[in-house]
Amino acid sequence: MKGGKSKADGKSTDAALKPRAAGRSKKAVKDPNKPKRPPSAFFVFMEEFRKVFKEKNPNNKSVAAVSFINAVLWPCCSNQDKATYKAKADKRKAEYEKTMDAYNKKQVQTNPSLLLFQLPVYSSELGSYSSFPEFIWE
C-alpha cells in the first residue's frame, strides 16, 4: 500500500489481554438440586436412536454423524411415530412439573425471603398464571 496505514496497525492486542473490569457481574450460581428440564419429543427420539445406533455401530465415536442422521430421520418420521415420542415427552414434562412444584415448595420453606421477589407462576392445575404460588397461602 502506498503510504496508507492498514487497519491492523492501529489496533492494540493489549486491550484484549487485559483482565475484565472488577465491576462486571458474574453468572449466577446454578442450584445443583434443581430438576433438569425435560427433553422434547425430538430429544426423546435421539436418545432411543443413539442406543440402537451404538449397538449396530460400536466403533463409530462421531457425535456429529449420529446428530446428522437424527436430523435427517426426524422430519421423515410419520406423525404416528412422532406422536409416540410426543407422548413420552409429555409424560416426562408432567413428572418434571411435579418435581418442580416440590422443589419450589422446599425453596420457599428454607428461604422465606424468596416470597418478596416472587414472579407470576404457571399453575398446571389451574392452567393459568397466578400472582403467587398456591402453596404460599396454605
N, C-alpha and C. Protein backbone atom coordinates (compact mmCIF):
# COMPACT_ATOMS: atom_id res chain seq x y z
N MET A 1 0.84 -1.18 0.00
CA MET A 1 0.00 0.00 0.00
C MET A 1 0.88 1.24 0.00
N LYS A 2 0.42 2.28 -0.64
CA LYS A 2 1.21 3.50 -0.75
C LYS A 2 0.89 4.43 0.40
N GLY A 3 1.74 4.49 1.38
CA GLY A 3 1.66 5.49 2.43
C GLY A 3 0.49 5.37 3.38
N GLY A 4 -0.47 4.54 3.11
CA GLY A 4 -1.63 4.42 4.00
C GLY A 4 -1.39 3.41 5.11
N LYS A 5 -2.10 3.60 6.20
CA LYS A 5 -1.98 2.66 7.31
C LYS A 5 -3.01 1.54 7.12
N SER A 6 -2.61 0.38 7.48
CA SER A 6 -3.58 -0.71 7.44
C SER A 6 -4.41 -0.66 8.71
N LYS A 7 -5.54 -1.28 8.67
CA LYS A 7 -6.43 -1.26 9.82
C LYS A 7 -5.81 -1.97 11.01
N ALA A 8 -4.99 -2.95 10.78
CA ALA A 8 -4.40 -3.73 11.86
C ALA A 8 -3.35 -2.93 12.62
N ASP A 9 -2.74 -1.93 11.98
CA ASP A 9 -1.70 -1.16 12.64
C ASP A 9 -2.23 -0.37 13.83
N GLY A 10 -3.44 0.12 13.75
CA GLY A 10 -3.99 0.97 14.80
C GLY A 10 -4.53 0.20 15.99
N LYS A 11 -4.79 -1.08 15.85
CA LYS A 11 -5.38 -1.85 16.93
C LYS A 11 -4.29 -2.41 17.83
N SER A 12 -4.59 -2.42 19.09
CA SER A 12 -3.66 -2.96 20.06
C SER A 12 -4.23 -4.26 20.62
N THR A 13 -3.38 -5.24 20.73
CA THR A 13 -3.83 -6.51 21.31
C THR A 13 -3.79 -6.46 22.83
N ASP A 14 -3.20 -5.40 23.38
CA ASP A 14 -3.13 -5.29 24.84
C ASP A 14 -4.52 -5.20 25.46
N ALA A 15 -5.44 -4.55 24.78
CA ALA A 15 -6.79 -4.41 25.32
C ALA A 15 -7.48 -5.76 25.45
N ALA A 16 -7.19 -6.66 24.54
CA ALA A 16 -7.81 -7.99 24.60
C ALA A 16 -7.21 -8.83 25.71
N LEU A 17 -5.97 -8.53 26.10
CA LEU A 17 -5.29 -9.32 27.13
C LEU A 17 -5.52 -8.81 28.54
N LYS A 18 -6.06 -7.60 28.66
CA LYS A 18 -6.28 -7.04 29.99
C LYS A 18 -7.39 -7.80 30.71
N PRO A 19 -7.26 -7.91 32.03
CA PRO A 19 -8.35 -8.56 32.78
C PRO A 19 -9.60 -7.71 32.73
N ARG A 20 -10.73 -8.35 32.90
CA ARG A 20 -12.00 -7.64 32.85
C ARG A 20 -12.15 -6.73 34.06
N ALA A 21 -12.99 -5.75 33.89
CA ALA A 21 -13.24 -4.80 34.97
C ALA A 21 -13.85 -5.51 36.17
N ALA A 22 -13.50 -5.06 37.37
CA ALA A 22 -13.97 -5.71 38.59
C ALA A 22 -15.45 -5.50 38.81
N GLY A 23 -16.04 -4.46 38.23
CA GLY A 23 -17.44 -4.15 38.46
C GLY A 23 -18.42 -5.02 37.69
N ARG A 24 -17.92 -5.83 36.78
CA ARG A 24 -18.81 -6.67 35.98
C ARG A 24 -19.41 -7.76 36.85
N SER A 25 -20.67 -8.04 36.58
CA SER A 25 -21.34 -9.08 37.34
C SER A 25 -20.97 -10.45 36.79
N LYS A 26 -20.96 -11.41 37.68
CA LYS A 26 -20.65 -12.78 37.29
C LYS A 26 -21.95 -13.54 37.09
N LYS A 27 -21.85 -14.69 36.47
CA LYS A 27 -23.04 -15.51 36.25
C LYS A 27 -23.57 -15.99 37.60
N ALA A 28 -24.87 -16.12 37.66
CA ALA A 28 -25.49 -16.62 38.87
C ALA A 28 -25.14 -18.09 39.04
N VAL A 29 -24.93 -18.49 40.27
CA VAL A 29 -24.59 -19.87 40.56
C VAL A 29 -25.85 -20.72 40.43
N LYS A 30 -25.75 -21.81 39.70
CA LYS A 30 -26.90 -22.68 39.50
C LYS A 30 -27.01 -23.65 40.67
N ASP A 31 -28.24 -23.90 41.06
CA ASP A 31 -28.50 -24.83 42.15
C ASP A 31 -28.38 -26.25 41.61
N PRO A 32 -27.47 -27.06 42.16
CA PRO A 32 -27.31 -28.43 41.65
C PRO A 32 -28.51 -29.32 41.96
N ASN A 33 -29.37 -28.93 42.90
CA ASN A 33 -30.53 -29.73 43.25
C ASN A 33 -31.75 -29.43 42.39
N LYS A 34 -31.68 -28.38 41.60
CA LYS A 34 -32.82 -28.01 40.76
C LYS A 34 -33.02 -29.05 39.67
N PRO A 35 -34.26 -29.51 39.48
CA PRO A 35 -34.51 -30.54 38.45
C PRO A 35 -34.20 -30.01 37.05
N LYS A 36 -33.69 -30.90 36.22
CA LYS A 36 -33.40 -30.52 34.84
C LYS A 36 -34.69 -30.49 34.04
N ARG A 37 -34.73 -29.62 33.04
CA ARG A 37 -35.91 -29.53 32.19
C ARG A 37 -36.06 -30.81 31.38
N PRO A 38 -37.29 -31.19 31.08
CA PRO A 38 -37.50 -32.44 30.35
C PRO A 38 -37.15 -32.28 28.87
N PRO A 39 -36.77 -33.37 28.23
CA PRO A 39 -36.45 -33.28 26.80
C PRO A 39 -37.71 -33.18 25.95
N SER A 40 -37.54 -32.59 24.78
CA SER A 40 -38.66 -32.51 23.83
C SER A 40 -38.80 -33.86 23.13
N ALA A 41 -39.80 -33.98 22.29
CA ALA A 41 -40.04 -35.22 21.56
C ALA A 41 -38.84 -35.57 20.68
N PHE A 42 -38.22 -34.56 20.09
CA PHE A 42 -37.05 -34.81 19.23
C PHE A 42 -35.91 -35.41 20.04
N PHE A 43 -35.68 -34.90 21.24
CA PHE A 43 -34.57 -35.41 22.04
C PHE A 43 -34.87 -36.80 22.61
N VAL A 44 -36.13 -37.11 22.86
CA VAL A 44 -36.50 -38.47 23.25
C VAL A 44 -36.21 -39.41 22.08
N PHE A 45 -36.53 -38.98 20.88
CA PHE A 45 -36.21 -39.74 19.67
C PHE A 45 -34.71 -39.95 19.56
N MET A 46 -33.93 -38.90 19.81
CA MET A 46 -32.47 -39.00 19.72
C MET A 46 -31.92 -40.00 20.72
N GLU A 47 -32.45 -40.00 21.95
CA GLU A 47 -31.97 -40.94 22.97
C GLU A 47 -32.14 -42.38 22.50
N GLU A 48 -33.32 -42.69 22.01
CA GLU A 48 -33.59 -44.06 21.57
C GLU A 48 -32.77 -44.41 20.33
N PHE A 49 -32.63 -43.46 19.43
CA PHE A 49 -31.86 -43.73 18.21
C PHE A 49 -30.39 -43.96 18.54
N ARG A 50 -29.84 -43.20 19.48
CA ARG A 50 -28.43 -43.38 19.85
C ARG A 50 -28.16 -44.79 20.36
N LYS A 51 -29.09 -45.30 21.19
CA LYS A 51 -28.91 -46.66 21.72
C LYS A 51 -28.85 -47.68 20.59
N VAL A 52 -29.77 -47.58 19.64
CA VAL A 52 -29.81 -48.51 18.51
C VAL A 52 -28.57 -48.34 17.64
N PHE A 53 -28.18 -47.09 17.40
CA PHE A 53 -27.03 -46.81 16.55
C PHE A 53 -25.75 -47.34 17.16
N LYS A 54 -25.60 -47.20 18.49
CA LYS A 54 -24.39 -47.70 19.15
C LYS A 54 -24.31 -49.22 19.11
N GLU A 55 -25.46 -49.88 19.20
CA GLU A 55 -25.46 -51.34 19.11
C GLU A 55 -25.04 -51.82 17.73
N LYS A 56 -25.51 -51.14 16.71
CA LYS A 56 -25.20 -51.54 15.34
C LYS A 56 -23.82 -51.08 14.89
N ASN A 57 -23.35 -49.94 15.43
CA ASN A 57 -22.05 -49.37 15.04
C ASN A 57 -21.21 -49.08 16.29
N PRO A 58 -20.66 -50.11 16.93
CA PRO A 58 -19.93 -49.87 18.18
C PRO A 58 -18.61 -49.12 17.98
N ASN A 59 -18.06 -49.14 16.77
CA ASN A 59 -16.77 -48.48 16.52
C ASN A 59 -16.92 -47.01 16.16
N ASN A 60 -18.12 -46.55 15.89
CA ASN A 60 -18.32 -45.16 15.49
C ASN A 60 -18.36 -44.28 16.73
N LYS A 61 -17.42 -43.36 16.85
CA LYS A 61 -17.35 -42.45 18.00
C LYS A 61 -17.77 -41.03 17.64
N SER A 62 -18.19 -40.81 16.40
CA SER A 62 -18.52 -39.47 15.92
C SER A 62 -19.92 -39.04 16.38
N VAL A 63 -19.97 -38.02 17.22
CA VAL A 63 -21.24 -37.47 17.67
C VAL A 63 -21.91 -36.73 16.51
N ALA A 64 -21.11 -36.09 15.69
CA ALA A 64 -21.65 -35.33 14.56
C ALA A 64 -22.39 -36.25 13.57
N ALA A 65 -21.86 -37.43 13.36
CA ALA A 65 -22.51 -38.36 12.42
C ALA A 65 -23.87 -38.79 12.95
N VAL A 66 -23.94 -39.10 14.23
CA VAL A 66 -25.21 -39.52 14.82
C VAL A 66 -26.21 -38.36 14.79
N SER A 67 -25.76 -37.17 15.11
CA SER A 67 -26.64 -36.00 15.09
C SER A 67 -27.15 -35.71 13.69
N PHE A 68 -26.27 -35.86 12.70
CA PHE A 68 -26.67 -35.62 11.31
C PHE A 68 -27.75 -36.62 10.89
N ILE A 69 -27.56 -37.88 11.23
CA ILE A 69 -28.54 -38.91 10.86
C ILE A 69 -29.87 -38.64 11.55
N ASN A 70 -29.81 -38.23 12.82
CA ASN A 70 -31.04 -37.88 13.54
C ASN A 70 -31.77 -36.73 12.86
N ALA A 71 -31.01 -35.73 12.48
CA ALA A 71 -31.61 -34.54 11.86
C ALA A 71 -32.25 -34.89 10.52
N VAL A 72 -31.74 -35.89 9.84
CA VAL A 72 -32.31 -36.32 8.57
C VAL A 72 -33.54 -37.20 8.80
N LEU A 73 -33.47 -38.08 9.81
CA LEU A 73 -34.56 -39.04 10.04
C LEU A 73 -35.80 -38.42 10.67
N TRP A 74 -35.62 -37.47 11.57
CA TRP A 74 -36.77 -36.92 12.31
C TRP A 74 -37.85 -36.33 11.39
N PRO A 75 -37.51 -35.50 10.41
CA PRO A 75 -38.56 -34.98 9.53
C PRO A 75 -39.23 -36.07 8.68
N CYS A 76 -38.53 -37.18 8.49
CA CYS A 76 -39.08 -38.27 7.67
C CYS A 76 -40.02 -39.18 8.46
N CYS A 77 -40.02 -39.06 9.78
CA CYS A 77 -40.89 -39.91 10.60
C CYS A 77 -42.35 -39.55 10.35
N SER A 78 -43.19 -40.57 10.44
CA SER A 78 -44.62 -40.33 10.26
C SER A 78 -45.18 -39.63 11.51
N ASN A 79 -46.37 -39.07 11.37
CA ASN A 79 -46.99 -38.39 12.51
C ASN A 79 -47.31 -39.36 13.64
N GLN A 80 -47.59 -40.63 13.30
CA GLN A 80 -47.85 -41.62 14.33
C GLN A 80 -46.59 -41.89 15.16
N ASP A 81 -45.45 -42.00 14.47
CA ASP A 81 -44.19 -42.21 15.18
C ASP A 81 -43.86 -41.01 16.07
N LYS A 82 -44.06 -39.83 15.52
CA LYS A 82 -43.78 -38.62 16.30
C LYS A 82 -44.72 -38.52 17.50
N ALA A 83 -45.95 -39.00 17.34
CA ALA A 83 -46.92 -38.94 18.43
C ALA A 83 -46.47 -39.79 19.61
N THR A 84 -45.84 -40.93 19.34
CA THR A 84 -45.35 -41.77 20.44
C THR A 84 -44.26 -41.06 21.22
N TYR A 85 -43.36 -40.39 20.50
CA TYR A 85 -42.29 -39.64 21.18
C TYR A 85 -42.85 -38.41 21.90
N LYS A 86 -43.87 -37.80 21.33
CA LYS A 86 -44.53 -36.66 21.96
C LYS A 86 -45.20 -37.09 23.27
N ALA A 87 -45.81 -38.28 23.25
CA ALA A 87 -46.46 -38.79 24.46
C ALA A 87 -45.42 -39.06 25.56
N LYS A 88 -44.28 -39.63 25.16
CA LYS A 88 -43.22 -39.87 26.14
C LYS A 88 -42.69 -38.55 26.70
N ALA A 89 -42.54 -37.55 25.83
CA ALA A 89 -42.06 -36.25 26.27
C ALA A 89 -43.07 -35.58 27.20
N ASP A 90 -44.36 -35.71 26.90
CA ASP A 90 -45.41 -35.14 27.75
C ASP A 90 -45.41 -35.80 29.13
N LYS A 91 -45.18 -37.10 29.15
CA LYS A 91 -45.13 -37.82 30.42
C LYS A 91 -43.97 -37.30 31.27
N ARG A 92 -42.81 -37.11 30.63
CA ARG A 92 -41.64 -36.58 31.35
C ARG A 92 -41.89 -35.15 31.81
N LYS A 93 -42.62 -34.37 31.00
CA LYS A 93 -42.92 -32.99 31.37
C LYS A 93 -43.82 -32.95 32.60
N ALA A 94 -44.79 -33.86 32.67
CA ALA A 94 -45.68 -33.91 33.83
C ALA A 94 -44.89 -34.27 35.09
N GLU A 95 -43.97 -35.22 34.97
CA GLU A 95 -43.12 -35.58 36.10
C GLU A 95 -42.25 -34.39 36.52
N TYR A 96 -41.74 -33.67 35.54
CA TYR A 96 -40.90 -32.50 35.80
C TYR A 96 -41.69 -31.43 36.56
N GLU A 97 -42.93 -31.19 36.15
CA GLU A 97 -43.74 -30.17 36.81
C GLU A 97 -44.00 -30.55 38.27
N LYS A 98 -44.22 -31.84 38.53
CA LYS A 98 -44.41 -32.29 39.91
C LYS A 98 -43.15 -32.07 40.73
N THR A 99 -42.00 -32.43 40.18
CA THR A 99 -40.75 -32.26 40.92
C THR A 99 -40.41 -30.78 41.10
N MET A 100 -40.75 -29.95 40.10
CA MET A 100 -40.51 -28.51 40.24
C MET A 100 -41.40 -27.90 41.31
N ASP A 101 -42.66 -28.35 41.39
CA ASP A 101 -43.54 -27.86 42.45
C ASP A 101 -42.96 -28.20 43.82
N ALA A 102 -42.50 -29.44 43.97
CA ALA A 102 -41.90 -29.86 45.23
C ALA A 102 -40.63 -29.06 45.52
N TYR A 103 -39.83 -28.83 44.49
CA TYR A 103 -38.59 -28.07 44.64
C TYR A 103 -38.89 -26.63 45.06
N ASN A 104 -39.89 -26.01 44.42
CA ASN A 104 -40.25 -24.63 44.77
C ASN A 104 -40.77 -24.53 46.19
N LYS A 105 -41.57 -25.50 46.61
CA LYS A 105 -42.07 -25.50 47.98
C LYS A 105 -40.91 -25.59 48.97
N LYS A 106 -39.97 -26.45 48.66
CA LYS A 106 -38.81 -26.62 49.54
C LYS A 106 -37.98 -25.34 49.59
N GLN A 107 -37.81 -24.68 48.45
CA GLN A 107 -37.04 -23.44 48.40
C GLN A 107 -37.68 -22.36 49.26
N VAL A 108 -39.00 -22.23 49.19
CA VAL A 108 -39.69 -21.20 49.96
C VAL A 108 -39.64 -21.53 51.44
N GLN A 109 -39.74 -22.80 51.79
CA GLN A 109 -39.69 -23.19 53.19
C GLN A 109 -38.31 -22.93 53.79
N THR A 110 -37.25 -23.15 53.01
CA THR A 110 -35.91 -22.94 53.53
C THR A 110 -35.49 -21.48 53.48
N ASN A 111 -36.08 -20.70 52.57
CA ASN A 111 -35.71 -19.30 52.43
C ASN A 111 -36.96 -18.46 52.19
N PRO A 112 -37.66 -18.05 53.26
CA PRO A 112 -38.91 -17.30 53.08
C PRO A 112 -38.73 -15.94 52.40
N SER A 113 -37.53 -15.41 52.38
CA SER A 113 -37.32 -14.11 51.74
C SER A 113 -37.55 -14.19 50.24
N LEU A 114 -37.61 -15.39 49.68
CA LEU A 114 -37.90 -15.54 48.25
C LEU A 114 -39.29 -15.04 47.90
N LEU A 115 -40.17 -14.99 48.88
CA LEU A 115 -41.54 -14.53 48.63
C LEU A 115 -41.57 -13.06 48.22
N LEU A 116 -40.58 -12.30 48.65
CA LEU A 116 -40.54 -10.88 48.31
C LEU A 116 -40.30 -10.65 46.82
N PHE A 117 -39.64 -11.59 46.19
CA PHE A 117 -39.27 -11.44 44.78
C PHE A 117 -40.01 -12.42 43.89
N GLN A 118 -41.16 -12.87 44.33
CA GLN A 118 -41.90 -13.90 43.61
C GLN A 118 -42.49 -13.33 42.32
N LEU A 119 -42.22 -14.01 41.23
CA LEU A 119 -42.78 -13.66 39.94
C LEU A 119 -44.04 -14.48 39.69
N PRO A 120 -44.86 -14.11 38.74
CA PRO A 120 -46.03 -14.92 38.43
C PRO A 120 -45.62 -16.35 38.09
N VAL A 121 -46.39 -17.29 38.58
CA VAL A 121 -46.08 -18.71 38.42
C VAL A 121 -47.19 -19.38 37.64
N TYR A 122 -46.79 -20.26 36.73
CA TYR A 122 -47.78 -21.01 35.96
C TYR A 122 -48.26 -22.19 36.78
N SER A 123 -49.53 -22.26 36.98
CA SER A 123 -50.12 -23.36 37.73
C SER A 123 -50.68 -24.38 36.75
N SER A 124 -50.13 -25.60 36.81
CA SER A 124 -50.61 -26.64 35.90
C SER A 124 -52.02 -27.08 36.27
N GLU A 125 -52.38 -26.95 37.55
CA GLU A 125 -53.72 -27.35 37.99
C GLU A 125 -54.77 -26.37 37.46
N LEU A 126 -54.44 -25.06 37.56
CA LEU A 126 -55.40 -24.05 37.11
C LEU A 126 -55.32 -23.80 35.61
N GLY A 127 -54.16 -24.09 35.03
CA GLY A 127 -53.98 -23.84 33.61
C GLY A 127 -53.78 -22.37 33.29
N SER A 128 -53.32 -21.61 34.29
CA SER A 128 -53.09 -20.19 34.07
C SER A 128 -52.00 -19.70 35.02
N TYR A 129 -51.65 -18.43 34.86
CA TYR A 129 -50.65 -17.83 35.73
C TYR A 129 -51.33 -17.24 36.96
N SER A 130 -50.67 -17.38 38.08
CA SER A 130 -51.16 -16.77 39.32
C SER A 130 -50.09 -15.83 39.83
N SER A 131 -50.50 -14.84 40.61
CA SER A 131 -49.52 -13.88 41.09
C SER A 131 -48.58 -14.52 42.11
N PHE A 132 -49.08 -15.48 42.88
CA PHE A 132 -48.26 -16.19 43.83
C PHE A 132 -48.59 -17.67 43.76
N PRO A 133 -47.62 -18.51 44.03
CA PRO A 133 -47.92 -19.93 44.04
C PRO A 133 -48.97 -20.25 45.12
N GLU A 134 -49.74 -21.28 44.87
CA GLU A 134 -50.82 -21.63 45.80
C GLU A 134 -50.27 -22.08 47.15
N PHE A 135 -49.07 -22.66 47.17
CA PHE A 135 -48.57 -23.19 48.42
C PHE A 135 -48.20 -22.10 49.42
N ILE A 136 -48.13 -20.84 48.97
CA ILE A 136 -47.81 -19.76 49.88
C ILE A 136 -48.96 -19.52 50.84
N TRP A 137 -50.17 -19.73 50.35
CA TRP A 137 -51.35 -19.41 51.16
C TRP A 137 -51.78 -20.58 52.04
N GLU A 138 -51.14 -21.71 51.90
CA GLU A 138 -51.54 -22.89 52.67
C GLU A 138 -51.14 -22.76 54.12
